[in-house]
Amino acid sequence: MEIEERILKDIRLFDSSIEKAGKLMLGEEENKVVELAKMYALDSKSWLDKKDYYTSFSSIAYAHGLLDAILKMRNIIE
């Protein structure tokens, strides 16, 4: 799999996960973390458009980490 395809796959996975988070009743602090994760995902798309694959991949990976922390705290994922 090419790096660009991998990043696009991770962005789609993030978008799916963000839908799950959107169905939760989150507290103020949790919502801040989700919004931060969304910003990192947008950054990933921007870096991808610029063909900066390493920064794009790092950004989407960080977005996943932030969102996963919220979903794990809520026992949505293991």
C-alpha atoms as a PDB file:
ATOM      1  CA  MET A   1       0.000   0.000   0.000  1.00  0.00           C
ATOM      2  CA  GLU A   2       1.340   3.403  -0.935  1.00  0.00           C
ATOM      3  CA  ILE A   3       1.820   5.998   1.801  1.00  0.00           C
ATOM      4  CA  GLU A   4      -0.887   8.289   0.402  1.00  0.00           C
ATOM      5  CA  GLU A   5      -3.386   5.418   0.323  1.00  0.00           C
ATOM      6  CA  ARG A   6      -2.479   4.517   3.908  1.00  0.00           C
ATOM      7  CA  ILE A   7      -3.031   8.067   5.097  1.00  0.00           C
ATOM      8  CA  LEU A   8      -6.384   8.270   3.300  1.00  0.00           C
ATOM      9  CA  LYS A   9      -7.397   4.973   4.916  1.00  0.00           C
ATOM     10  CA  ASP A  10      -6.476   6.349   8.355  1.00  0.00           C
ATOM     11  CA  ILE A  11      -8.428   9.548   7.698  1.00  0.00           C
ATOM     12  CA  ARG A  12     -11.512   7.487   6.770  1.00  0.00           C
ATOM     13  CA  LEU A  13     -11.063   5.409   9.933  1.00  0.00           C
ATOM     14  CA  PHE A  14     -10.826   8.590  11.984  1.00  0.00           C
ATOM     15  CA  ASP A  15     -14.005   9.934  10.379  1.00  0.00           C
ATOM     16  CA  SER A  16     -15.775   6.712  11.349  1.00  0.00           C
ATOM     17  CA  SER A  17     -14.517   6.953  14.918  1.00  0.00           C
ATOM     18  CA  ILE A  18     -15.542  10.601  15.206  1.00  0.00           C
ATOM     19  CA  GLU A  19     -19.100   9.562  14.342  1.00  0.00           C
ATOM     20  CA  LYS A  20     -19.080   7.194  17.321  1.00  0.00           C
ATOM     21  CA  ALA A  21     -17.824   9.964  19.574  1.00  0.00           C
ATOM     22  CA  GLY A  22     -20.535  12.291  18.277  1.00  0.00           C
ATOM     23  CA  LYS A  23     -23.209   9.971  19.665  1.00  0.00           C
ATOM     24  CA  LEU A  24     -21.813  10.180  23.187  1.00  0.00           C
ATOM     25  CA  MET A  25     -22.790  12.635  25.855  1.00  0.00           C
ATOM     26  CA  LEU A  26     -19.370  14.125  26.487  1.00  0.00           C
ATOM     27  CA  GLY A  27     -18.289  16.515  29.159  1.00  0.00           C
ATOM     28  CA  GLU A  28     -16.758  19.903  28.451  1.00  0.00           C
ATOM     29  CA  GLU A  29     -13.173  18.701  28.773  1.00  0.00           C
ATOM     30  CA  GLU A  30     -13.815  15.631  26.631  1.00  0.00           C
ATOM     31  CA  ASN A  31     -15.362  17.822  23.941  1.00  0.00           C
ATOM     32  CA  LYS A  32     -12.221  19.966  23.945  1.00  0.00           C
ATOM     33  CA  VAL A  33     -10.120  16.874  23.278  1.00  0.00           C
ATOM     34  CA  VAL A  34     -12.454  15.762  20.466  1.00  0.00           C
ATOM     35  CA  GLU A  35     -12.247  19.221  18.874  1.00  0.00           C
ATOM     36  CA  LEU A  36      -8.461  19.088  19.115  1.00  0.00           C
ATOM     37  CA  ALA A  37      -8.483  15.676  17.438  1.00  0.00           C
ATOM     38  CA  LYS A  38     -10.631  17.096  14.628  1.00  0.00           C
ATOM     39  CA  MET A  39      -8.139  19.925  14.122  1.00  0.00           C
ATOM     40  CA  TYR A  40      -5.284  17.432  13.821  1.00  0.00           C
ATOM     41  CA  ALA A  41      -7.321  15.473  11.262  1.00  0.00           C
ATOM     42  CA  LEU A  42      -7.848  18.642   9.238  1.00  0.00           C
ATOM     43  CA  ASP A  43      -4.131  19.359   9.474  1.00  0.00           C
ATOM     44  CA  SER A  44      -3.465  15.857   8.165  1.00  0.00           C
ATOM     45  CA  LYS A  45      -5.596  16.542   5.086  1.00  0.00           C
ATOM     46  CA  SER A  46      -3.820  19.845   4.525  1.00  0.00           C
ATOM     47  CA  TRP A  47      -0.371  18.263   4.749  1.00  0.00           C
ATOM     48  CA  LEU A  48      -1.499  15.477   2.444  1.00  0.00           C
ATOM     49  CA  ASP A  49      -2.554  18.038  -0.160  1.00  0.00           C
ATOM     50  CA  LYS A  50       0.967  19.479   0.087  1.00  0.00           C
ATOM     51  CA  LYS A  51       2.455  15.979  -0.378  1.00  0.00           C
ATOM     52  CA  ASP A  52       4.107  16.168   3.052  1.00  0.00           C
ATOM     53  CA  TYR A  53       3.294  12.564   3.836  1.00  0.00           C
ATOM     54  CA  TYR A  54       5.286  12.243   7.042  1.00  0.00           C
ATOM     55  CA  THR A  55       3.664  15.243   8.708  1.00  0.00           C
ATOM     56  CA  SER A  56       0.253  14.190   7.394  1.00  0.00           C
ATOM     57  CA  PHE A  57       0.645  10.692   8.817  1.00  0.00           C
ATOM     58  CA  SER A  58       1.884  12.065  12.131  1.00  0.00           C
ATOM     59  CA  SER A  59      -1.089  14.403  12.370  1.00  0.00           C
ATOM     60  CA  ILE A  60      -3.705  11.732  11.714  1.00  0.00           C
ATOM     61  CA  ALA A  61      -1.957   9.340  14.098  1.00  0.00           C
ATOM     62  CA  TYR A  62      -2.085  11.975  16.832  1.00  0.00           C
ATOM     63  CA  ALA A  63      -5.763  12.648  16.069  1.00  0.00           C
ATOM     64  CA  HIS A  64      -6.468   8.927  16.459  1.00  0.00           C
ATOM     65  CA  GLY A  65      -4.644   8.839  19.775  1.00  0.00           C
ATOM     66  CA  LEU A  66      -6.635  11.712  21.215  1.00  0.00           C
ATOM     67  CA  LEU A  67      -9.940  10.277  20.073  1.00  0.00           C
ATOM     68  CA  ASP A  68      -9.060   6.751  21.160  1.00  0.00           C
ATOM     69  CA  ALA A  69      -8.357   8.028  24.664  1.00  0.00           C
ATOM     70  CA  ILE A  70     -11.908   9.387  24.912  1.00  0.00           C
ATOM     71  CA  LEU A  71     -13.460   6.244  23.425  1.00  0.00           C
ATOM     72  CA  LYS A  72     -11.441   4.011  25.763  1.00  0.00           C
ATOM     73  CA  MET A  73     -12.447   6.050  28.791  1.00  0.00           C
ATOM     74  CA  ARG A  74     -16.070   5.489  27.766  1.00  0.00           C
ATOM     75  CA  ASN A  75     -15.510   1.757  27.130  1.00  0.00           C
ATOM     76  CA  ILE A  76     -16.477   2.166  23.457  1.00  0.00           C
ATOM     77  CA  ILE A  77     -13.246   0.489  22.329  1.00  0.00           C
ATOM     78  CA  GLU A  78     -10.718  -1.670  24.141  1.00  0.00           C
END
